[in-house]
C-alpha atoms as a PDB file:
ATOM      1  CA  UNK A   1      13.233   2.508   8.243  1.00  0.00           C
ATOM      2  CA  UNK A   2       9.814   3.855   9.251  1.00  0.00           C
ATOM      3  CA  UNK A   3       7.132   6.611   8.236  1.00  0.00           C
ATOM      4  CA  UNK A   4       7.707  10.326   8.680  1.00  0.00           C
ATOM      5  CA  UNK A   5       5.354  11.660  10.766  1.00  0.00           C
ATOM      6  CA  UNK A   6       6.833  15.228  12.269  1.00  0.00           C
ATOM      7  CA  UNK A   7       4.493  17.395  14.265  1.00  0.00           C
ATOM      8  CA  UNK A   8       4.411  19.424  10.901  1.00  0.00           C
ATOM      9  CA  UNK A   9       2.728  16.224   9.026  1.00  0.00           C
ATOM     10  CA  UNK A  10       0.568  15.803  11.916  1.00  0.00           C
ATOM     11  CA  UNK A  11      -0.590  19.467  12.276  1.00  0.00           C
ATOM     12  CA  UNK A  12      -1.446  18.753   8.504  1.00  0.00           C
ATOM     13  CA  UNK A  13      -3.572  15.837   9.122  1.00  0.00           C
ATOM     14  CA  UNK A  14      -5.542  17.428  11.727  1.00  0.00           C
ATOM     15  CA  UNK A  15      -5.966  20.823  10.115  1.00  0.00           C
ATOM     16  CA  UNK A  16      -7.010  18.914   7.032  1.00  0.00           C
ATOM     17  CA  UNK A  17      -9.535  16.295   9.192  1.00  0.00           C
ATOM     18  CA  UNK A  18     -10.477  18.202  11.701  1.00  0.00           C
ATOM     19  CA  UNK A  19     -10.770  21.786  10.535  1.00  0.00           C
ATOM     20  CA  UNK A  20     -12.345  23.561  13.511  1.00  0.00           C
ATOM     21  CA  UNK A  21      -9.517  22.203  15.589  1.00  0.00           C
ATOM     22  CA  UNK A  22     -11.736  21.385  18.280  1.00  0.00           C
ATOM     23  CA  UNK A  23     -11.432  18.713  20.697  1.00  0.00           C
ATOM     24  CA  UNK A  24     -12.578  18.243  23.724  1.00  0.00           C
ATOM     25  CA  UNK A  25     -10.594  16.117  26.402  1.00  0.00           C
ATOM     26  CA  UNK A  26     -12.903  13.054  26.832  1.00  0.00           C
ATOM     27  CA  UNK A  27     -12.520  12.497  23.121  1.00  0.00           C
ATOM     28  CA  UNK A  28      -9.061  13.072  23.178  1.00  0.00           C
ATOM     29  CA  UNK A  29      -8.200  10.600  26.153  1.00  0.00           C
ATOM     30  CA  UNK A  30     -10.552   8.295  23.763  1.00  0.00           C
ATOM     31  CA  UNK A  31      -8.833   8.838  20.969  1.00  0.00           C
ATOM     32  CA  UNK A  32      -5.418   8.389  22.775  1.00  0.00           C
ATOM     33  CA  UNK A  33      -6.700   5.190  24.206  1.00  0.00           C
ATOM     34  CA  UNK A  34      -7.232   4.116  20.694  1.00  0.00           C
ATOM     35  CA  UNK A  35      -3.774   4.808  20.053  1.00  0.00           C
ATOM     36  CA  UNK A  36      -2.545   2.947  22.740  1.00  0.00           C
ATOM     37  CA  UNK A  37      -4.803  -0.019  21.577  1.00  0.00           C
ATOM     38  CA  UNK A  38      -3.102   0.073  17.815  1.00  0.00           C
ATOM     39  CA  UNK A  39       0.628   0.363  19.771  1.00  0.00           C
ATOM     40  CA  UNK A  40       0.074  -2.867  21.382  1.00  0.00           C
ATOM     41  CA  UNK A  41      -2.091  -5.110  18.633  1.00  0.00           C
ATOM     42  CA  UNK A  42       1.455  -6.911  17.798  1.00  0.00           C
ATOM     43  CA  UNK A  43       2.613  -7.397  21.227  1.00  0.00           C
ATOM     44  CA  UNK A  44       6.214  -5.870  20.118  1.00  0.00           C
ATOM     45  CA  UNK A  45       7.814  -2.996  22.042  1.00  0.00           C
ATOM     46  CA  UNK A  46       8.759  -0.830  19.253  1.00  0.00           C
ATOM     47  CA  UNK A  47      10.574   2.451  19.740  1.00  0.00           C
ATOM     48  CA  UNK A  48       9.535   3.940  16.329  1.00  0.00           C
ATOM     49  CA  UNK A  49       5.835   3.438  18.112  1.00  0.00           C
ATOM     50  CA  UNK A  50       7.072   4.819  20.876  1.00  0.00           C
ATOM     51  CA  UNK A  51       7.765   7.692  18.710  1.00  0.00           C
ATOM     52  CA  UNK A  52       5.077   8.268  16.987  1.00  0.00           C
ATOM     53  CA  UNK A  53       2.818   7.696  19.899  1.00  0.00           C
ATOM     54  CA  UNK A  54       4.509  10.726  21.550  1.00  0.00           C
ATOM     55  CA  UNK A  55       3.999  13.009  18.685  1.00  0.00           C
ATOM     56  CA  UNK A  56       0.447  11.988  18.929  1.00  0.00           C
ATOM     57  CA  UNK A  57      -0.222  12.074  22.582  1.00  0.00           C
ATOM     58  CA  UNK A  58       1.373  15.657  21.957  1.00  0.00           C
ATOM     59  CA  UNK A  59      -0.482  16.962  19.420  1.00  0.00           C
ATOM     60  CA  UNK A  60      -3.773  15.532  20.383  1.00  0.00           C
ATOM     61  CA  UNK A  61      -3.137  17.287  24.127  1.00  0.00           C
ATOM     62  CA  UNK A  62      -2.487  20.458  22.732  1.00  0.00           C
ATOM     63  CA  UNK A  63      -5.412  20.578  21.047  1.00  0.00           C
ATOM     64  CA  UNK A  64      -7.463  19.644  24.171  1.00  0.00           C
ATOM     65  CA  UNK A  65      -5.645  21.391  26.989  1.00  0.00           C
ATOM     66  CA  UNK A  66      -4.308  17.951  28.436  1.00  0.00           C
ATOM     67  CA  UNK A  67      -1.076  17.614  30.184  1.00  0.00           C
ATOM     68  CA  UNK A  68       0.726  14.153  28.706  1.00  0.00           C
ATOM     69  CA  UNK A  69       1.028  13.197  32.285  1.00  0.00           C
ATOM     70  CA  UNK A  70      -2.754  12.820  32.856  1.00  0.00           C
ATOM     71  CA  UNK A  71      -3.030  10.529  30.539  1.00  0.00           C
ATOM     72  CA  UNK A  72      -3.262   7.244  32.044  1.00  0.00           C
ATOM     73  CA  UNK A  73      -1.736   3.598  29.938  1.00  0.00           C
ATOM     74  CA  UNK A  74      -4.432   1.520  28.617  1.00  0.00           C
ATOM     75  CA  UNK A  75      -4.628  -1.973  30.616  1.00  0.00           C
ATOM     76  CA  UNK A  76      -4.632  -4.855  28.140  1.00  0.00           C
ATOM     77  CA  UNK A  77      -7.716  -6.612  27.496  1.00  0.00           C
ATOM     78  CA  UNK A  78      -7.154 -10.838  26.860  1.00  0.00           C
ATOM     79  CA  UNK A  79     -10.362 -11.818  25.780  1.00  0.00           C
ATOM     80  CA  UNK A  80     -11.080 -11.325  22.412  1.00  0.00           C
ATOM     81  CA  UNK A  81     -15.100 -10.534  22.975  1.00  0.00           C
ATOM     82  CA  UNK A  82     -14.416  -7.749  25.751  1.00  0.00           C
ATOM     83  CA  UNK A  83     -12.289  -6.045  23.421  1.00  0.00           C
ATOM     84  CA  UNK A  84     -14.237  -6.204  20.558  1.00  0.00           C
ATOM     85  CA  UNK A  85     -17.140  -4.888  23.420  1.00  0.00           C
ATOM     86  CA  UNK A  86     -14.603  -2.060  24.456  1.00  0.00           C
ATOM     87  CA  UNK A  87     -14.005  -0.842  21.024  1.00  0.00           C
ATOM     88  CA  UNK A  88     -17.622  -0.167  20.267  1.00  0.00           C
ATOM     89  CA  UNK A  89     -17.823   1.476  23.724  1.00  0.00           C
ATOM     90  CA  UNK A  90     -15.149   3.891  22.804  1.00  0.00           C
ATOM     91  CA  UNK A  91     -16.137   4.027  19.374  1.00  0.00           C
ATOM     92  CA  UNK A  92     -19.622   5.011  21.009  1.00  0.00           C
ATOM     93  CA  UNK A  93     -17.965   8.321  22.766  1.00  0.00           C
ATOM     94  CA  UNK A  94     -16.602  10.053  19.735  1.00  0.00           C
ATOM     95  CA  UNK A  95     -19.677  11.547  17.932  1.00  0.00           C
ATOM     96  CA  UNK A  96     -18.118  14.004  15.692  1.00  0.00           C
ATOM     97  CA  UNK A  97     -17.723  11.948  12.161  1.00  0.00           C
ATOM     98  CA  UNK A  98     -14.443  14.108  11.740  1.00  0.00           C
ATOM     99  CA  UNK A  99     -12.826  12.958  15.276  1.00  0.00           C
ATOM    100  CA  UNK A 100     -13.613   9.315  14.358  1.00  0.00           C
ATOM    101  CA  UNK A 101     -11.865  10.100  10.880  1.00  0.00           C
ATOM    102  CA  UNK A 102      -9.014  11.447  12.739  1.00  0.00           C
ATOM    103  CA  UNK A 103      -8.722   8.782  15.143  1.00  0.00           C
ATOM    104  CA  UNK A 104      -8.535   6.397  12.372  1.00  0.00           C
ATOM    105  CA  UNK A 105      -5.930   8.181  10.656  1.00  0.00           C
ATOM    106  CA  UNK A 106      -3.868   7.932  13.891  1.00  0.00           C
ATOM    107  CA  UNK A 107      -4.600   4.709  14.677  1.00  0.00           C
ATOM    108  CA  UNK A 108      -3.558   4.269  11.270  1.00  0.00           C
ATOM    109  CA  UNK A 109      -0.165   5.893  11.507  1.00  0.00           C
ATOM    110  CA  UNK A 110       1.091   4.112  14.667  1.00  0.00           C
ATOM    111  CA  UNK A 111       0.426   0.629  13.153  1.00  0.00           C
ATOM    112  CA  UNK A 112       2.169   1.505  10.229  1.00  0.00           C
ATOM    113  CA  UNK A 113       4.935   3.231  11.775  1.00  0.00           C
ATOM    114  CA  UNK A 114       7.501   0.473  11.475  1.00  0.00           C
ATOM    115  CA  UNK A 115       6.547   0.210   7.461  1.00  0.00           C
ATOM    116  CA  UNK A 116       5.418  -3.262   8.725  1.00  0.00           C
ATOM    117  CA  UNK A 117       1.731  -4.166   8.837  1.00  0.00           C
ATOM    118  CA  UNK A 118       1.402  -7.448  10.486  1.00  0.00           C
ATOM    119  CA  UNK A 119      -1.948  -9.900  10.123  1.00  0.00           C
ATOM    120  CA  UNK A 120      -2.869  -8.838  13.527  1.00  0.00           C
ATOM    121  CA  UNK A 121      -2.363  -5.272  13.155  1.00  0.00           C
ATOM    122  CA  UNK A 122      -4.462  -5.547   9.585  1.00  0.00           C
ATOM    123  CA  UNK A 123      -7.454  -7.302  11.431  1.00  0.00           C
ATOM    124  CA  UNK A 124      -7.169  -4.664  14.371  1.00  0.00           C
ATOM    125  CA  UNK A 125      -7.169  -1.675  11.670  1.00  0.00           C
ATOM    126  CA  UNK A 126     -10.932  -3.120  10.760  1.00  0.00           C
ATOM    127  CA  UNK A 127     -11.952  -3.393  14.207  1.00  0.00           C
ATOM    128  CA  UNK A 128     -11.173   0.077  14.530  1.00  0.00           C
ATOM    129  CA  UNK A 129     -12.774   0.714  11.374  1.00  0.00           C
ATOM    130  CA  UNK A 130     -15.955  -0.850  12.797  1.00  0.00           C
ATOM    131  CA  UNK A 131     -15.854   0.564  15.768  1.00  0.00           C
ATOM    132  CA  UNK A 132     -15.337   4.004  14.538  1.00  0.00           C
ATOM    133  CA  UNK A 133     -18.416   3.477  11.983  1.00  0.00           C
ATOM    134  CA  UNK A 134     -16.613   4.502   9.227  1.00  0.00           C
ATOM    135  CA  UNK A 135     -17.318   3.259   5.417  1.00  0.00           C
ATOM    136  CA  UNK A 136     -14.487   1.107   3.431  1.00  0.00           C
ATOM    137  CA  UNK A 137     -14.659   3.900   0.987  1.00  0.00           C
ATOM    138  CA  UNK A 138     -13.681   6.546   3.292  1.00  0.00           C
ATOM    139  CA  UNK A 139     -11.232   4.562   4.805  1.00  0.00           C
ATOM    140  CA  UNK A 140      -9.470   3.979   1.886  1.00  0.00           C
ATOM    141  CA  UNK A 141      -9.416   7.797   1.045  1.00  0.00           C
ATOM    142  CA  UNK A 142      -8.181   8.368   4.639  1.00  0.00           C
ATOM    143  CA  UNK A 143      -5.415   5.987   3.801  1.00  0.00           C
ATOM    144  CA  UNK A 144      -4.457   7.430   0.401  1.00  0.00           C
ATOM    145  CA  UNK A 145      -4.229  11.173   1.941  1.00  0.00           C
ATOM    146  CA  UNK A 146      -1.702   9.787   4.916  1.00  0.00           C
ATOM    147  CA  UNK A 147       0.372   8.009   2.583  1.00  0.00           C
ATOM    148  CA  UNK A 148       0.180  11.166   0.404  1.00  0.00           C
ATOM    149  CA  UNK A 149       1.020  13.292   3.785  1.00  0.00           C
ATOM    150  CA  UNK A 150       3.786  10.852   5.418  1.00  0.00           C
ATOM    151  CA  UNK A 151       5.344  10.279   1.605  1.00  0.00           C
ATOM    152  CA  UNK A 152       5.996  14.239   0.755  1.00  0.00           C
ATOM    153  CA  UNK A 153       9.128  15.728   1.553  1.00  0.00           C
ATOM    154  CA  UNK A 154       7.641  19.368   1.555  1.00  0.00           C
ATOM    155  CA  UNK A 155       3.694  19.164   3.058  1.00  0.00           C
ATOM    156  CA  UNK A 156       3.301  22.777   1.812  1.00  0.00           C
ATOM    157  CA  UNK A 157       3.221  21.787  -1.560  1.00  0.00           C
ATOM    158  CA  UNK A 158       0.021  19.577  -1.625  1.00  0.00           C
ATOM    159  CA  UNK A 159      -3.511  20.145  -1.452  1.00  0.00           C
ATOM    160  CA  UNK A 160      -5.475  19.889   2.014  1.00  0.00           C
ATOM    161  CA  UNK A 161      -8.301  17.697   0.681  1.00  0.00           C
ATOM    162  CA  UNK A 162      -9.593  14.293   1.660  1.00  0.00           C
END
């Protein structure tokens, strides 16, 4: 069992959190690095995560005019302190609050793709929140919105406010 994240739902998430629809290539690459990091947190090669990452990469790449084959895999960072510093540098590259919020949303979807949130994934989500400079209340609003989007069978019936 997994969450329902198809292109229609991703499009709704993007249109709500990034109404301008504009995403620069450097931001898109950084966003996808966060997503890759989220997928690797539990050190489990999960086909469900691969599927969601692929959908996210297609959506983000199309917004920024990237070709998916241009994206490089994120190398593992073993040292915790080095990883936290790297996350802070990545987060600093995302200037717009809308892009940071969308990044968190995509990271969250990747983390909960298999409907299991391990303690390492929970810790990583908190690290991502801090690296993206998002307030706890805003993250809660984002999680509620995302839960609504993926839980609905017909995404056209729900409002697009967060």
